[in-house]
Amino acid sequence: MAGIGRPDGENVRAQLIDEAVARAVEDGGGVSATVRLAQAMVDEVRRRVADGANPEALKTGLDRAVEAITGELGAVAESVTTKEQLAAVATTTLLRRPPGRPTDPPPDPDAAVRLGDLIAEAIDKVGVDGAITVTENNDAGHELELAEGLRFGNGLLSPYFATDPERMEAVLDHPYVLLADTALASVDDLVPLLEQVIRSSRPLLVVAEDVVGEALALLIVNKIRGVLAAVAVKVPGQGLRRAAILQDLAILTDGLQIGAVRHAELDQLGQARQAIVGREHTTIVDGSGDPGMISARVREIRSELERPLLDRERVNLEKRLAGLIDGVAVIKVGALTDYEVNEQRSGIEEAVRAVRAAVREGVVQGDAAALLQVGDAAIGRLSLTGDEVAGADAVRVAISALDPTSGCSGVIAPGIVPVGAISSELRNAASVAGTILEAGGLLLTDWSPPKE
């Protein structure tokens, strides 16, 4: 009888590094820098433990060194204020992105510069927190289109609504938009309207106070069976704010706020060219609303902003105003295959996240160069004792292994990188070493599972 199997230590360490890389990339960090930092820290702490160091003290020193360095990075960061800086951050991010497949060529610097400029143009038009979507272009090149639209802060009510499960996103072309100012729970609430929508052969976006129970199950089942492409989302906010957002959507899409959904007709629903629903946001592109009505709504919100308001009320009104006047930037990606479209799209979305992080937190010149610049000084100011010193040294050793003259997948010099991206690289790499120190035994040694 075989003994209880345990995972191979080397495989677990590799998996931890993969997870750290994924988290760092989400924050705009680089793959190669995160891998090098993590591997160097892991090798160093394993060597220190083998020499008799205390794992708990090592982890304390490691964590304190990382926090000291990330704090120092924030102090030396430069603000991002110009369109040229936005483009530089976007370009650097695109060049730091590794190929999707081993056989793919490295990033093309000229193409990255052109796409970086396009991303900067999009952000300049709609604002750093504005709605930016990426779609396929029928032509070969990349294009930027500014469209009427609105993004709000709630996403998919169920993962089953996703039309792209890998991206956890649903895209509806030419949908009807149901704007319900009540919660939907009963099948009877929806069936009459759904039958009308199904006959129209168009998708349906349900925006409601909530969708629960039988009503939610009905939409999911019909989506899975291919009967109706439907997506449900909740209106953000509470009370008067929720009602105001629903009214904004009604004006934008030329629909009505509906209370008794079971009696609704198709001509009461809003319409749009496209709806894109992700995990956390919903974007409606080119609603069918009357431009004059939208302009009147904008004037109404501006009038409200002129009266005395609480800070929270002012922020909410400013967000609604920006949503109505800034519109949506649509970056159209030209590529030959679906794979290329998806790769370009993922790269653009990573670059947009990086630019937003850069505006919030500032930038430094290159991840390796920045870490080498501040690392020794930041660690040197710490008061550490015993094996804590060795833990901090593990961070110092890892940083010293980086090449300050590279960073963009070996293509060009590192460029400017968001502080948040570099901090994420360092923190996530350190989390691998920290997890290994906490786990001890298996992960600090080379262990193979017993044979049957």
Protein backbone atom coordinates (compact mmCIF):
# COMPACT_ATOMS: atom_id res chain seq x y z
CA MET A 1 0.00 0.00 0.00
CA ALA A 2 1.36 3.37 -0.96
CA GLY A 3 2.13 5.96 1.69
CA ILE A 4 0.40 9.34 1.74
CA GLY A 5 1.82 11.34 -1.14
CA ARG A 6 3.18 14.81 -0.62
CA PRO A 7 3.91 17.38 -3.32
CA ASP A 8 7.44 17.68 -4.62
CA GLY A 9 9.15 20.65 -3.00
CA GLU A 10 10.65 21.96 -6.24
CA ASN A 11 7.26 21.88 -7.96
CA VAL A 12 5.61 23.74 -5.09
CA ARG A 13 8.31 26.40 -5.16
CA ALA A 14 7.81 26.81 -8.91
CA GLN A 15 4.05 27.11 -8.43
CA LEU A 16 4.53 29.77 -5.75
CA ILE A 17 6.72 31.76 -8.14
CA ASP A 18 4.13 31.43 -10.93
CA GLU A 19 1.44 32.79 -8.61
CA ALA A 20 3.70 35.66 -7.52
CA VAL A 21 4.36 36.56 -11.15
CA ALA A 22 0.63 36.56 -11.94
CA ARG A 23 -0.05 38.97 -9.06
CA ALA A 24 2.84 41.24 -10.05
CA VAL A 25 1.72 41.36 -13.69
CA GLU A 26 -1.78 42.34 -12.55
CA ASP A 27 -0.17 45.39 -10.94
CA GLY A 28 1.89 46.18 -14.03
CA GLY A 29 5.02 44.40 -12.83
CA GLY A 30 7.49 42.56 -15.04
CA VAL A 31 7.73 38.79 -15.31
CA SER A 32 11.51 38.44 -15.56
CA ALA A 33 12.23 40.79 -12.64
CA THR A 34 9.72 39.02 -10.38
CA VAL A 35 11.10 35.58 -11.26
CA ARG A 36 14.73 36.64 -10.72
CA LEU A 37 13.96 38.32 -7.41
CA ALA A 38 11.89 35.39 -6.14
CA GLN A 39 14.40 32.73 -7.16
CA ALA A 40 17.33 34.65 -5.68
CA MET A 41 15.50 35.24 -2.37
CA VAL A 42 14.45 31.59 -2.17
CA ASP A 43 17.99 30.36 -2.84
CA GLU A 44 19.42 32.74 -0.25
CA VAL A 45 16.98 31.91 2.58
CA ARG A 46 17.37 28.17 1.93
CA ARG A 47 21.14 28.57 2.19
CA ARG A 48 20.79 30.57 5.41
CA VAL A 49 18.49 27.98 6.99
CA ALA A 50 20.90 25.21 6.00
CA ASP A 51 23.60 27.18 7.88
CA GLY A 52 21.39 27.20 10.99
CA ALA A 53 19.54 30.53 10.76
CA ASN A 54 16.14 30.90 12.44
CA PRO A 55 13.37 30.94 9.76
CA GLU A 56 11.10 33.25 11.77
CA ALA A 57 13.85 35.83 12.24
CA LEU A 58 14.80 35.54 8.57
CA LYS A 59 11.23 36.29 7.55
CA THR A 60 11.07 39.29 9.88
CA GLY A 61 14.22 40.74 8.32
CA LEU A 62 12.97 39.97 4.83
CA ASP A 63 9.61 41.68 5.40
CA ARG A 64 11.13 44.75 7.04
CA ALA A 65 13.64 45.18 4.22
CA VAL A 66 10.90 45.00 1.59
CA GLU A 67 8.74 47.57 3.39
CA ALA A 68 11.71 49.91 3.82
CA ILE A 69 12.62 49.71 0.14
CA THR A 70 9.07 50.19 -1.15
CA GLY A 71 8.68 53.20 1.12
CA GLU A 72 11.91 54.67 -0.24
CA LEU A 73 10.75 54.12 -3.83
CA GLY A 74 7.70 56.25 -3.13
CA ALA A 75 9.91 59.03 -1.81
CA VAL A 76 12.07 59.19 -4.97
CA ALA A 77 9.22 58.73 -7.48
CA GLU A 78 8.54 61.33 -10.17
CA SER A 79 5.01 62.52 -10.91
CA VAL A 80 3.41 61.65 -14.25
CA THR A 81 1.71 64.71 -15.70
CA THR A 82 2.31 64.83 -19.46
CA LYS A 83 0.94 62.87 -22.37
CA GLU A 84 4.51 61.93 -23.33
CA GLN A 85 5.04 60.35 -19.91
CA LEU A 86 1.78 58.40 -20.25
CA ALA A 87 2.99 57.07 -23.60
CA ALA A 88 6.40 56.16 -22.17
CA VAL A 89 4.84 54.14 -19.34
CA ALA A 90 2.50 52.35 -21.75
CA THR A 91 5.34 51.57 -24.16
CA THR A 92 7.59 50.26 -21.40
CA THR A 93 4.81 48.01 -20.13
CA LEU A 94 4.18 46.59 -23.61
CA LEU A 95 7.88 45.86 -24.06
CA ARG A 96 8.21 44.24 -20.63
CA ARG A 97 5.41 41.82 -21.48
CA PRO A 98 6.72 38.33 -22.32
CA PRO A 99 5.55 36.52 -25.47
CA GLY A 100 2.38 34.50 -25.00
CA ARG A 101 3.99 31.40 -26.52
CA PRO A 102 7.62 30.23 -26.62
CA THR A 103 7.55 30.45 -30.42
CA ASP A 104 6.30 34.05 -30.50
CA PRO A 105 8.82 36.75 -31.50
CA PRO A 106 9.90 39.35 -28.92
CA PRO A 107 7.96 42.63 -28.80
CA ASP A 108 8.59 45.03 -31.69
CA PRO A 109 9.85 48.35 -30.25
CA ASP A 110 8.40 50.47 -33.07
CA ALA A 111 4.99 48.82 -32.78
CA ALA A 112 5.08 49.23 -29.00
CA VAL A 113 5.84 52.96 -29.35
CA ARG A 114 2.93 53.45 -31.76
CA LEU A 115 0.55 51.53 -29.51
CA GLY A 116 1.86 53.36 -26.43
CA ASP A 117 1.05 56.67 -28.13
CA LEU A 118 -2.46 55.43 -28.93
CA ILE A 119 -3.04 54.38 -25.30
CA ALA A 120 -1.81 57.77 -24.07
CA GLU A 121 -4.18 59.48 -26.51
CA ALA A 122 -7.10 57.41 -25.18
CA ILE A 123 -6.30 58.25 -21.56
CA ASP A 124 -5.81 61.92 -22.45
CA LYS A 125 -9.29 62.00 -24.01
CA VAL A 126 -11.33 60.23 -21.30
CA GLY A 127 -9.19 60.78 -18.21
CA VAL A 128 -7.01 58.39 -16.27
CA ASP A 129 -10.01 56.68 -14.66
CA GLY A 130 -12.21 56.94 -17.75
CA ALA A 131 -13.77 54.06 -19.64
CA ILE A 132 -11.39 52.40 -22.11
CA THR A 133 -12.37 49.27 -24.02
CA VAL A 134 -10.45 47.15 -26.49
CA THR A 135 -12.16 45.53 -29.47
CA GLU A 136 -11.18 43.87 -32.74
CA ASN A 137 -10.68 46.08 -35.78
CA ASN A 138 -11.89 44.93 -39.18
CA ASP A 139 -8.83 46.57 -40.74
CA ALA A 140 -5.20 45.63 -40.18
CA GLY A 141 -4.13 48.68 -38.15
CA HIS A 142 -4.94 49.96 -34.67
CA GLU A 143 -7.44 52.80 -34.27
CA LEU A 144 -8.83 54.97 -31.49
CA GLU A 145 -12.53 55.81 -31.50
CA LEU A 146 -14.31 58.07 -29.03
CA ALA A 147 -17.90 57.00 -28.42
CA GLU A 148 -20.79 58.11 -26.25
CA GLY A 149 -20.95 55.81 -23.27
CA LEU A 150 -20.79 55.26 -19.57
CA ARG A 151 -18.98 52.94 -17.17
CA PHE A 152 -20.21 52.08 -13.69
CA GLY A 153 -18.72 50.07 -10.89
CA ASN A 154 -20.53 46.75 -10.76
CA GLY A 155 -19.87 43.69 -12.91
CA LEU A 156 -21.10 40.17 -13.58
CA LEU A 157 -23.60 38.88 -11.02
CA SER A 158 -22.57 35.34 -11.97
CA PRO A 159 -19.52 33.94 -13.78
CA TYR A 160 -21.91 31.90 -15.92
CA PHE A 161 -22.80 35.11 -17.78
CA ALA A 162 -19.27 35.46 -19.16
CA THR A 163 -18.95 35.07 -22.92
CA ASP A 164 -15.17 34.84 -22.42
CA PRO A 165 -14.63 32.73 -19.27
CA GLU A 166 -10.85 33.10 -19.36
CA ARG A 167 -11.12 36.88 -19.17
CA MET A 168 -14.28 36.66 -17.04
CA GLU A 169 -16.00 39.12 -19.33
CA ALA A 170 -19.23 39.31 -21.31
CA VAL A 171 -19.57 41.31 -24.52
CA LEU A 172 -23.06 41.97 -25.86
CA ASP A 173 -23.44 43.49 -29.33
CA HIS A 174 -26.51 45.69 -29.92
CA PRO A 175 -28.22 44.70 -26.67
CA TYR A 176 -31.52 45.74 -25.24
CA VAL A 177 -31.03 47.27 -21.77
CA LEU A 178 -33.58 46.56 -19.05
CA LEU A 179 -33.42 49.20 -16.29
CA ALA A 180 -35.33 47.86 -13.29
CA ASP A 181 -35.67 50.04 -10.20
CA THR A 182 -36.61 47.01 -8.09
CA ALA A 183 -35.00 43.69 -7.19
CA LEU A 184 -35.93 40.80 -9.49
CA ALA A 185 -36.53 37.47 -7.78
CA SER A 186 -39.45 35.70 -9.46
CA VAL A 187 -39.56 33.87 -12.78
CA ASP A 188 -42.94 35.49 -13.36
CA ASP A 189 -41.26 38.91 -13.29
CA LEU A 190 -39.09 38.10 -16.30
CA VAL A 191 -40.71 35.46 -18.52
CA PRO A 192 -43.06 37.74 -20.52
CA LEU A 193 -40.27 40.18 -21.35
CA LEU A 194 -37.70 37.46 -22.08
CA GLU A 195 -40.05 35.90 -24.61
CA GLN A 196 -40.17 39.23 -26.46
CA VAL A 197 -36.38 39.61 -26.37
CA ILE A 198 -35.84 36.05 -27.62
CA ARG A 199 -38.09 36.72 -30.60
CA SER A 200 -35.98 39.77 -31.42
CA SER A 201 -32.79 37.62 -31.55
CA ARG A 202 -30.88 40.30 -29.66
CA PRO A 203 -28.99 40.04 -26.35
CA LEU A 204 -30.22 41.55 -23.09
CA LEU A 205 -28.42 43.49 -20.38
CA VAL A 206 -30.38 43.51 -17.13
CA VAL A 207 -29.49 46.39 -14.80
CA ALA A 208 -31.48 46.13 -11.58
CA GLU A 209 -31.43 46.84 -7.87
CA ASP A 210 -30.59 43.13 -7.63
CA VAL A 211 -31.29 39.86 -9.44
CA VAL A 212 -31.62 36.84 -7.17
CA GLY A 213 -33.22 33.43 -6.76
CA GLU A 214 -35.38 32.07 -9.55
CA ALA A 215 -34.94 35.17 -11.71
CA LEU A 216 -31.15 34.84 -11.67
CA ALA A 217 -31.35 31.10 -12.32
CA LEU A 218 -33.69 31.69 -15.27
CA LEU A 219 -31.23 34.06 -16.95
CA ILE A 220 -28.27 31.73 -16.32
CA VAL A 221 -30.04 28.61 -17.63
CA ASN A 222 -31.17 30.34 -20.81
CA LYS A 223 -27.70 31.75 -21.39
CA ILE A 224 -26.04 28.34 -20.91
CA ARG A 225 -28.54 26.67 -23.24
CA GLY A 226 -27.94 29.28 -25.90
CA VAL A 227 -31.55 30.46 -25.86
CA LEU A 228 -30.73 34.04 -24.87
CA ALA A 229 -27.48 35.97 -24.49
CA ALA A 230 -28.25 37.74 -21.23
CA VAL A 231 -26.16 39.36 -18.51
CA ALA A 232 -27.35 40.71 -15.15
CA VAL A 233 -25.65 43.42 -13.08
CA LYS A 234 -26.59 45.44 -10.00
CA VAL A 235 -26.99 49.19 -10.06
CA PRO A 236 -24.29 50.70 -7.84
CA GLY A 237 -25.13 52.82 -4.83
CA GLN A 238 -28.11 53.06 -2.54
CA GLY A 239 -31.27 55.11 -2.37
CA LEU A 240 -31.19 58.42 -4.24
CA ARG A 241 -27.75 57.79 -5.76
CA ARG A 242 -28.88 54.48 -7.23
CA ALA A 243 -32.02 56.11 -8.65
CA ALA A 244 -29.92 58.90 -10.18
CA ILE A 245 -27.54 56.43 -11.85
CA LEU A 246 -30.49 54.50 -13.26
CA GLN A 247 -31.86 57.74 -14.68
CA ASP A 248 -28.46 58.54 -16.24
CA LEU A 249 -28.54 55.11 -17.90
CA ALA A 250 -32.12 55.62 -19.04
CA ILE A 251 -31.22 58.91 -20.73
CA LEU A 252 -28.05 57.45 -22.25
CA THR A 253 -29.82 54.39 -23.71
CA ASP A 254 -33.25 55.93 -24.43
CA GLY A 255 -34.96 53.53 -22.06
CA LEU A 256 -37.33 53.81 -19.14
CA GLN A 257 -36.86 52.96 -15.49
CA ILE A 258 -39.27 50.09 -15.01
CA GLY A 259 -40.94 49.07 -11.76
CA ALA A 260 -43.35 46.32 -12.84
CA VAL A 261 -41.04 44.32 -15.11
CA ARG A 262 -43.63 41.63 -15.80
CA HIS A 263 -45.66 44.22 -17.73
CA ALA A 264 -42.70 45.70 -19.64
CA GLU A 265 -42.60 45.98 -23.43
CA LEU A 266 -39.60 46.02 -25.76
CA ASP A 267 -40.07 49.69 -26.63
CA GLN A 268 -39.52 50.58 -22.97
CA LEU A 269 -36.02 49.07 -22.98
CA GLY A 270 -32.86 51.01 -23.67
CA GLN A 271 -30.50 50.12 -26.49
CA ALA A 272 -26.76 50.43 -27.17
CA ARG A 273 -24.19 49.47 -29.74
CA GLN A 274 -22.33 47.35 -27.19
CA ALA A 275 -22.19 46.43 -23.52
CA ILE A 276 -19.00 45.08 -21.94
CA VAL A 277 -19.35 43.55 -18.48
CA GLY A 278 -16.31 42.43 -16.49
CA ARG A 279 -15.70 41.31 -12.92
CA GLU A 280 -16.01 44.80 -11.45
CA HIS A 281 -17.26 47.20 -14.14
CA THR A 282 -19.94 47.55 -16.78
CA THR A 283 -19.37 49.73 -19.83
CA ILE A 284 -22.17 50.78 -22.18
CA VAL A 285 -20.96 52.05 -25.56
CA ASP A 286 -22.99 54.28 -27.88
CA GLY A 287 -26.35 54.27 -26.17
CA SER A 288 -29.36 55.25 -28.26
CA GLY A 289 -30.19 58.29 -26.12
CA ASP A 290 -30.99 61.67 -27.61
CA PRO A 291 -27.91 63.97 -27.55
CA GLY A 292 -30.09 66.89 -26.44
CA MET A 293 -31.42 64.90 -23.49
CA ILE A 294 -27.89 63.86 -22.52
CA SER A 295 -26.72 67.49 -22.67
CA ALA A 296 -29.65 68.54 -20.49
CA ARG A 297 -28.71 65.86 -17.96
CA VAL A 298 -25.14 67.15 -17.92
CA ARG A 299 -26.38 70.71 -17.25
CA GLU A 300 -28.57 69.40 -14.43
CA ILE A 301 -25.64 67.66 -12.72
CA ARG A 302 -23.43 70.74 -13.13
CA SER A 303 -26.15 72.83 -11.53
CA GLU A 304 -26.25 70.44 -8.57
CA LEU A 305 -22.48 70.77 -8.17
CA GLU A 306 -22.84 74.53 -7.65
CA ARG A 307 -24.74 74.15 -4.39
CA PRO A 308 -23.20 73.27 -0.98
CA LEU A 309 -22.52 69.52 -0.79
CA LEU A 310 -20.90 66.95 1.43
CA ASP A 311 -17.57 65.69 0.08
CA ARG A 312 -19.05 62.26 -0.67
CA GLU A 313 -21.98 63.79 -2.55
CA ARG A 314 -19.64 65.98 -4.61
CA VAL A 315 -17.42 63.03 -5.53
CA ASN A 316 -20.43 60.97 -6.64
CA LEU A 317 -21.79 63.81 -8.77
CA GLU A 318 -18.39 64.43 -10.36
CA LYS A 319 -18.11 60.73 -11.25
CA ARG A 320 -21.54 60.78 -12.86
CA LEU A 321 -20.70 63.96 -14.76
CA ALA A 322 -17.41 62.52 -16.03
CA GLY A 323 -19.20 59.37 -17.14
CA LEU A 324 -21.65 61.35 -19.25
CA ILE A 325 -19.25 63.86 -20.82
CA ASP A 326 -16.00 61.90 -21.23
CA GLY A 327 -17.60 58.98 -23.05
CA VAL A 328 -15.71 55.79 -23.86
CA ALA A 329 -12.38 55.39 -25.62
CA VAL A 330 -12.51 52.36 -27.91
CA ILE A 331 -9.11 51.04 -28.98
CA LYS A 332 -9.61 48.87 -32.06
CA VAL A 333 -6.95 46.19 -32.48
CA GLY A 334 -6.01 45.02 -35.95
CA ALA A 335 -4.55 41.50 -36.13
CA LEU A 336 -4.65 38.47 -38.38
CA THR A 337 -5.78 35.79 -35.93
CA ASP A 338 -7.94 35.52 -32.81
CA TYR A 339 -4.82 34.63 -30.83
CA GLU A 340 -3.06 37.81 -31.95
CA VAL A 341 -6.13 39.90 -31.14
CA ASN A 342 -6.30 38.45 -27.62
CA GLU A 343 -2.57 38.95 -27.06
CA GLN A 344 -2.74 42.58 -28.22
CA ARG A 345 -5.83 43.17 -26.13
CA SER A 346 -4.25 41.74 -22.98
CA GLY A 347 -1.14 43.84 -23.53
CA ILE A 348 -3.16 47.03 -23.96
CA GLU A 349 -5.17 46.34 -20.81
CA GLU A 350 -1.97 45.73 -18.82
CA ALA A 351 -0.54 48.98 -20.18
CA VAL A 352 -3.67 50.93 -19.21
CA ARG A 353 -3.47 49.53 -15.67
CA ALA A 354 0.21 50.48 -15.50
CA VAL A 355 -0.46 54.04 -16.64
CA ARG A 356 -3.20 54.46 -14.04
CA ALA A 357 -0.83 53.17 -11.36
CA ALA A 358 1.87 55.55 -12.59
CA VAL A 359 -0.43 58.56 -12.31
CA ARG A 360 -1.43 57.56 -8.78
CA GLU A 361 1.99 56.64 -7.41
CA GLY A 362 4.63 58.12 -9.70
CA VAL A 363 7.41 56.47 -11.70
CA VAL A 364 11.12 55.69 -11.50
CA GLN A 365 13.71 54.90 -14.15
CA GLY A 366 13.61 51.13 -14.59
CA ASP A 367 12.79 48.50 -11.99
CA ALA A 368 16.29 47.05 -11.51
CA ALA A 369 18.01 50.44 -11.55
CA ALA A 370 15.54 51.89 -9.04
CA LEU A 371 15.86 48.96 -6.65
CA LEU A 372 19.65 49.08 -6.84
CA GLN A 373 19.57 52.83 -6.23
CA VAL A 374 17.54 52.73 -3.01
CA GLY A 375 18.01 49.18 -1.71
CA ASP A 376 21.27 49.42 0.24
CA ALA A 377 20.43 52.77 1.84
CA ALA A 378 16.93 51.70 2.88
CA ILE A 379 18.15 48.44 4.43
CA GLY A 380 21.10 50.19 6.05
CA ARG A 381 18.77 52.44 8.06
CA LEU A 382 16.97 49.48 9.66
CA SER A 383 17.65 48.37 13.23
CA LEU A 384 17.91 44.59 12.94
CA THR A 385 19.25 41.91 15.24
CA GLY A 386 20.54 38.37 14.83
CA ASP A 387 19.19 36.45 11.86
CA GLU A 388 16.93 39.37 10.90
CA VAL A 389 20.07 40.83 9.33
CA ALA A 390 20.43 37.70 7.19
CA GLY A 391 16.79 38.00 6.08
CA ALA A 392 17.35 41.59 4.95
CA ASP A 393 20.56 40.50 3.23
CA ALA A 394 18.53 37.98 1.20
CA VAL A 395 16.64 40.93 -0.28
CA ARG A 396 19.88 42.81 -0.89
CA VAL A 397 21.43 39.79 -2.64
CA ALA A 398 18.35 39.33 -4.83
CA ILE A 399 18.35 42.98 -5.90
CA SER A 400 22.08 42.93 -6.68
CA ALA A 401 21.45 40.03 -9.09
CA LEU A 402 19.27 42.23 -11.31
CA ASP A 403 20.69 43.82 -14.46
CA PRO A 404 20.08 47.60 -14.36
CA THR A 405 20.59 47.94 -18.13
CA SER A 406 17.74 45.62 -19.17
CA GLY A 407 14.16 45.03 -18.25
CA CYS A 408 11.96 45.18 -21.33
CA SER A 409 12.23 41.53 -22.33
CA GLY A 410 15.79 42.30 -23.45
CA VAL A 411 14.60 44.64 -26.20
CA ILE A 412 15.42 48.18 -25.08
CA ALA A 413 16.46 49.99 -21.92
CA PRO A 414 14.00 49.69 -19.04
CA GLY A 415 12.21 53.02 -19.53
CA ILE A 416 10.01 54.50 -16.83
CA VAL A 417 8.11 52.11 -14.61
CA PRO A 418 5.31 52.77 -12.10
CA VAL A 419 6.44 52.62 -8.49
CA GLY A 420 3.49 50.36 -7.74
CA ALA A 421 4.67 47.86 -10.36
CA ILE A 422 8.18 47.66 -8.88
CA SER A 423 6.82 47.44 -5.33
CA SER A 424 4.57 44.61 -6.46
CA GLU A 425 7.51 42.75 -8.03
CA LEU A 426 9.47 43.00 -4.80
CA ARG A 427 6.57 42.21 -2.44
CA ASN A 428 5.37 39.23 -4.46
CA ALA A 429 8.87 37.83 -4.82
CA ALA A 430 9.37 38.19 -1.07
CA SER A 431 6.03 36.49 -0.44
CA VAL A 432 7.41 33.35 -2.09
CA ALA A 433 10.45 33.29 0.19
CA GLY A 434 8.26 34.14 3.19
CA THR A 435 5.84 31.31 2.46
CA ILE A 436 8.72 28.86 2.15
CA LEU A 437 10.17 30.02 5.47
CA GLU A 438 6.79 29.63 7.17
CA ALA A 439 6.20 26.19 5.68
CA GLY A 440 9.70 24.96 6.50
CA GLY A 441 10.59 21.26 6.04
CA LEU A 442 9.36 20.23 2.62
CA LEU A 443 9.86 23.56 0.88
CA LEU A 444 13.27 24.29 2.39
CA THR A 445 14.71 20.95 1.28
CA ASP A 446 14.67 18.81 -1.82
CA TRP A 447 12.14 16.07 -1.08
CA SER A 448 10.72 13.44 -3.41
CA PRO A 449 7.44 11.57 -2.78
CA PRO A 450 7.69 7.90 -1.80
CA LYS A 451 7.34 5.29 -4.50
CA GLU A 452 4.43 2.88 -4.44
